[in-house]
Amino acid sequence: MRNSSGFPDKSTVDRIRARYPTGCRVELISMDDSHTKLLPGEKGTVSIIDSTGTVFVNWDCGSVLTLIEKVLKQTMHPFEEAWEAPERLR
């Protein structure tokens, strides 16, 4: 749900943070953005979720792309794997 300013309310942001905690590994499902070279199957690590519910991801390919709440379910999902973060992400 959104508040009067058009941003997700606190309960929505809390739900996003629970699904994509900092350090969570994610995989891109699809991307409908002509300004990125990311492809389905790309993997990354959630670096932070801000107070508006925007998810910041450091993609393994070197790209940094933020995703907003309304597109999260369609664009990526969390997954588990044995993986050690590169030094730049520690």
N, C-alpha and C. Protein backbone atom coordinates (compact mmCIF):
# COMPACT_ATOMS: atom_id res chain seq x y z
N MET A 1 0.83 -1.17 0.00
CA MET A 1 0.00 0.00 0.00
C MET A 1 0.89 1.25 0.00
N ARG A 2 0.39 2.30 -0.56
CA ARG A 2 1.16 3.55 -0.67
C ARG A 2 0.59 4.60 0.27
N ASN A 3 1.48 5.48 0.74
CA ASN A 3 1.03 6.57 1.60
C ASN A 3 0.62 7.76 0.74
N SER A 4 0.25 8.87 1.36
CA SER A 4 -0.25 10.04 0.63
C SER A 4 0.79 10.66 -0.29
N SER A 5 2.06 10.42 -0.04
CA SER A 5 3.11 10.96 -0.91
C SER A 5 3.39 10.06 -2.12
N GLY A 6 2.73 8.91 -2.19
CA GLY A 6 2.90 8.01 -3.32
C GLY A 6 3.94 6.93 -3.13
N PHE A 7 4.62 6.96 -1.97
CA PHE A 7 5.63 5.95 -1.67
C PHE A 7 5.01 4.80 -0.90
N PRO A 8 5.64 3.62 -0.93
CA PRO A 8 5.13 2.49 -0.14
C PRO A 8 5.09 2.86 1.35
N ASP A 9 4.06 2.38 2.05
CA ASP A 9 3.98 2.65 3.49
C ASP A 9 4.98 1.76 4.25
N LYS A 10 5.09 2.02 5.55
CA LYS A 10 6.08 1.32 6.36
C LYS A 10 5.90 -0.19 6.34
N SER A 11 4.68 -0.67 6.38
CA SER A 11 4.46 -2.13 6.38
C SER A 11 4.91 -2.76 5.06
N THR A 12 4.74 -2.05 3.96
CA THR A 12 5.20 -2.54 2.66
C THR A 12 6.73 -2.57 2.62
N VAL A 13 7.37 -1.51 3.11
CA VAL A 13 8.84 -1.46 3.14
C VAL A 13 9.37 -2.58 4.04
N ASP A 14 8.72 -2.81 5.19
CA ASP A 14 9.14 -3.89 6.08
C ASP A 14 9.01 -5.25 5.40
N ARG A 15 7.97 -5.44 4.62
CA ARG A 15 7.76 -6.70 3.88
C ARG A 15 8.86 -6.88 2.83
N ILE A 16 9.22 -5.81 2.13
CA ILE A 16 10.29 -5.87 1.13
C ILE A 16 11.62 -6.21 1.82
N ARG A 17 11.88 -5.55 2.95
CA ARG A 17 13.13 -5.82 3.67
C ARG A 17 13.20 -7.26 4.18
N ALA A 18 12.06 -7.82 4.55
CA ALA A 18 12.04 -9.22 5.00
C ALA A 18 12.31 -10.17 3.84
N ARG A 19 11.78 -9.86 2.66
CA ARG A 19 11.97 -10.73 1.48
C ARG A 19 13.36 -10.60 0.88
N TYR A 20 13.91 -9.38 0.91
CA TYR A 20 15.23 -9.11 0.30
C TYR A 20 16.16 -8.48 1.34
N PRO A 21 16.57 -9.22 2.37
CA PRO A 21 17.45 -8.62 3.39
C PRO A 21 18.81 -8.26 2.80
N THR A 22 19.46 -7.27 3.41
CA THR A 22 20.80 -6.88 2.99
C THR A 22 21.70 -8.11 2.95
N GLY A 23 22.42 -8.26 1.84
CA GLY A 23 23.29 -9.42 1.66
C GLY A 23 22.61 -10.58 0.94
N CYS A 24 21.30 -10.48 0.77
CA CYS A 24 20.54 -11.53 0.07
C CYS A 24 20.99 -11.62 -1.39
N ARG A 25 21.14 -12.84 -1.88
CA ARG A 25 21.46 -13.06 -3.29
C ARG A 25 20.15 -13.10 -4.08
N VAL A 26 20.15 -12.44 -5.24
CA VAL A 26 18.97 -12.40 -6.09
C VAL A 26 19.34 -12.76 -7.52
N GLU A 27 18.33 -13.20 -8.25
CA GLU A 27 18.50 -13.52 -9.66
C GLU A 27 17.47 -12.75 -10.46
N LEU A 28 17.90 -12.15 -11.55
CA LEU A 28 17.01 -11.39 -12.41
C LEU A 28 16.13 -12.33 -13.21
N ILE A 29 14.84 -12.11 -13.18
CA ILE A 29 13.90 -12.92 -13.94
C ILE A 29 13.66 -12.28 -15.31
N SER A 30 13.39 -10.99 -15.30
CA SER A 30 13.15 -10.26 -16.55
C SER A 30 13.46 -8.79 -16.33
N MET A 31 13.64 -8.06 -17.41
CA MET A 31 13.92 -6.64 -17.30
C MET A 31 13.34 -5.95 -18.53
N ASP A 32 12.45 -4.99 -18.29
CA ASP A 32 11.84 -4.23 -19.37
C ASP A 32 12.38 -2.79 -19.29
N ASP A 33 13.67 -2.66 -19.44
CA ASP A 33 14.33 -1.37 -19.35
C ASP A 33 15.41 -1.31 -20.42
N SER A 34 15.21 -0.46 -21.40
CA SER A 34 16.15 -0.38 -22.52
C SER A 34 17.47 0.28 -22.14
N HIS A 35 17.57 0.83 -20.92
CA HIS A 35 18.78 1.52 -20.50
C HIS A 35 19.75 0.63 -19.73
N THR A 36 19.44 -0.65 -19.60
CA THR A 36 20.35 -1.57 -18.90
C THR A 36 20.74 -2.72 -19.82
N LYS A 37 21.92 -3.24 -19.58
CA LYS A 37 22.38 -4.40 -20.35
C LYS A 37 22.19 -5.69 -19.57
N LEU A 38 21.56 -5.60 -18.38
CA LEU A 38 21.31 -6.81 -17.59
C LEU A 38 20.37 -7.74 -18.33
N LEU A 39 20.64 -9.02 -18.21
CA LEU A 39 19.84 -10.05 -18.87
C LEU A 39 19.23 -10.99 -17.85
N PRO A 40 18.11 -11.63 -18.19
CA PRO A 40 17.56 -12.64 -17.28
C PRO A 40 18.63 -13.66 -16.92
N GLY A 41 18.65 -14.05 -15.63
CA GLY A 41 19.64 -15.00 -15.16
C GLY A 41 20.82 -14.34 -14.46
N GLU A 42 20.98 -13.01 -14.64
CA GLU A 42 22.05 -12.29 -13.93
C GLU A 42 21.81 -12.42 -12.43
N LYS A 43 22.90 -12.51 -11.67
CA LYS A 43 22.81 -12.64 -10.22
C LYS A 43 23.48 -11.46 -9.55
N GLY A 44 22.98 -11.12 -8.36
CA GLY A 44 23.55 -10.00 -7.63
C GLY A 44 23.28 -10.12 -6.14
N THR A 45 23.72 -9.10 -5.41
CA THR A 45 23.59 -9.06 -3.96
C THR A 45 22.91 -7.76 -3.55
N VAL A 46 21.88 -7.88 -2.73
CA VAL A 46 21.18 -6.70 -2.23
C VAL A 46 22.12 -5.95 -1.30
N SER A 47 22.34 -4.65 -1.57
CA SER A 47 23.23 -3.87 -0.73
C SER A 47 22.47 -3.07 0.32
N ILE A 48 21.30 -2.57 -0.01
CA ILE A 48 20.50 -1.80 0.93
C ILE A 48 19.08 -1.66 0.38
N ILE A 49 18.16 -1.44 1.28
CA ILE A 49 16.79 -1.07 0.91
C ILE A 49 16.51 0.23 1.64
N ASP A 50 16.19 1.27 0.90
CA ASP A 50 15.99 2.57 1.54
C ASP A 50 14.58 2.70 2.11
N SER A 51 14.29 3.86 2.69
CA SER A 51 13.01 4.06 3.37
C SER A 51 11.82 4.12 2.43
N THR A 52 12.06 4.21 1.11
CA THR A 52 10.97 4.19 0.14
C THR A 52 10.75 2.80 -0.45
N GLY A 53 11.52 1.81 0.04
CA GLY A 53 11.37 0.45 -0.46
C GLY A 53 12.17 0.16 -1.71
N THR A 54 13.02 1.08 -2.13
CA THR A 54 13.86 0.86 -3.31
C THR A 54 14.98 -0.11 -2.93
N VAL A 55 15.12 -1.16 -3.74
CA VAL A 55 16.13 -2.19 -3.49
C VAL A 55 17.35 -1.90 -4.36
N PHE A 56 18.50 -1.72 -3.71
CA PHE A 56 19.76 -1.46 -4.41
C PHE A 56 20.50 -2.79 -4.53
N VAL A 57 20.85 -3.17 -5.76
CA VAL A 57 21.51 -4.45 -6.02
C VAL A 57 22.85 -4.21 -6.70
N ASN A 58 23.88 -4.85 -6.18
CA ASN A 58 25.19 -4.88 -6.85
C ASN A 58 25.22 -6.18 -7.66
N TRP A 59 25.11 -6.06 -8.96
CA TRP A 59 25.08 -7.23 -9.83
C TRP A 59 26.49 -7.75 -10.03
N ASP A 60 26.64 -9.06 -10.13
CA ASP A 60 27.95 -9.70 -10.27
C ASP A 60 28.71 -9.21 -11.50
N CYS A 61 27.99 -8.78 -12.52
CA CYS A 61 28.63 -8.30 -13.75
C CYS A 61 29.22 -6.90 -13.59
N GLY A 62 28.99 -6.27 -12.42
CA GLY A 62 29.54 -4.94 -12.17
C GLY A 62 28.50 -3.82 -12.23
N SER A 63 27.33 -4.11 -12.71
CA SER A 63 26.27 -3.11 -12.78
C SER A 63 25.66 -2.88 -11.40
N VAL A 64 25.20 -1.67 -11.17
CA VAL A 64 24.45 -1.35 -9.96
C VAL A 64 23.10 -0.83 -10.44
N LEU A 65 22.05 -1.52 -10.08
CA LEU A 65 20.72 -1.13 -10.53
C LEU A 65 19.77 -1.18 -9.36
N THR A 66 18.96 -0.14 -9.20
CA THR A 66 17.96 -0.13 -8.15
C THR A 66 16.62 -0.57 -8.73
N LEU A 67 15.83 -1.21 -7.89
CA LEU A 67 14.51 -1.67 -8.32
C LEU A 67 13.47 -1.16 -7.36
N ILE A 68 12.36 -0.65 -7.90
CA ILE A 68 11.31 -0.13 -7.06
C ILE A 68 10.27 -1.20 -6.76
N GLU A 69 9.52 -1.00 -5.71
CA GLU A 69 8.58 -1.98 -5.17
C GLU A 69 7.60 -2.52 -6.22
N LYS A 70 7.06 -1.69 -7.08
CA LYS A 70 6.00 -2.16 -7.98
C LYS A 70 6.50 -3.14 -9.04
N VAL A 71 7.81 -3.23 -9.26
CA VAL A 71 8.32 -4.17 -10.27
C VAL A 71 9.08 -5.35 -9.68
N LEU A 72 9.26 -5.39 -8.36
CA LEU A 72 10.10 -6.43 -7.76
C LEU A 72 9.66 -7.85 -8.08
N LYS A 73 8.39 -8.18 -7.93
CA LYS A 73 7.93 -9.55 -8.13
C LYS A 73 8.13 -10.00 -9.57
N GLN A 74 8.06 -9.06 -10.51
CA GLN A 74 8.21 -9.42 -11.92
C GLN A 74 9.66 -9.47 -12.37
N THR A 75 10.58 -8.88 -11.60
CA THR A 75 11.94 -8.75 -12.11
C THR A 75 12.99 -9.63 -11.45
N MET A 76 12.80 -9.98 -10.17
CA MET A 76 13.85 -10.78 -9.54
C MET A 76 13.29 -11.59 -8.38
N HIS A 77 14.04 -12.59 -7.99
CA HIS A 77 13.65 -13.40 -6.84
C HIS A 77 14.90 -13.75 -6.04
N PRO A 78 14.72 -13.93 -4.71
CA PRO A 78 15.87 -14.33 -3.91
C PRO A 78 16.21 -15.79 -4.17
N PHE A 79 17.47 -16.15 -3.98
CA PHE A 79 17.88 -17.55 -4.08
C PHE A 79 19.08 -17.78 -3.19
N GLU A 80 19.37 -19.02 -2.92
CA GLU A 80 20.51 -19.36 -2.06
C GLU A 80 21.55 -20.09 -2.88
N GLU A 81 22.79 -19.81 -2.59
CA GLU A 81 23.88 -20.53 -3.22
C GLU A 81 25.12 -20.37 -2.35
N ALA A 82 26.05 -21.25 -2.53
CA ALA A 82 27.32 -21.10 -1.83
C ALA A 82 28.10 -20.03 -2.59
N TRP A 83 28.33 -18.89 -1.96
CA TRP A 83 28.94 -17.76 -2.66
C TRP A 83 29.64 -16.89 -1.65
N GLU A 84 30.79 -16.40 -2.01
CA GLU A 84 31.50 -15.46 -1.15
C GLU A 84 31.56 -14.12 -1.85
N ALA A 85 31.17 -13.07 -1.14
CA ALA A 85 31.13 -11.74 -1.71
C ALA A 85 32.51 -11.28 -2.14
N PRO A 86 32.60 -10.63 -3.31
CA PRO A 86 33.87 -10.05 -3.71
C PRO A 86 34.32 -9.03 -2.67
N GLU A 87 35.60 -8.77 -2.60
CA GLU A 87 36.16 -7.85 -1.60
C GLU A 87 35.46 -6.50 -1.64
N ARG A 88 35.10 -6.02 -2.85
CA ARG A 88 34.50 -4.68 -2.97
C ARG A 88 33.13 -4.60 -2.31
N LEU A 89 32.49 -5.74 -2.04
CA LEU A 89 31.16 -5.75 -1.43
C LEU A 89 31.20 -6.01 0.07
N ARG A 90 32.37 -6.26 0.62
CA ARG A 90 32.47 -6.56 2.06
C ARG A 90 32.58 -5.31 2.88
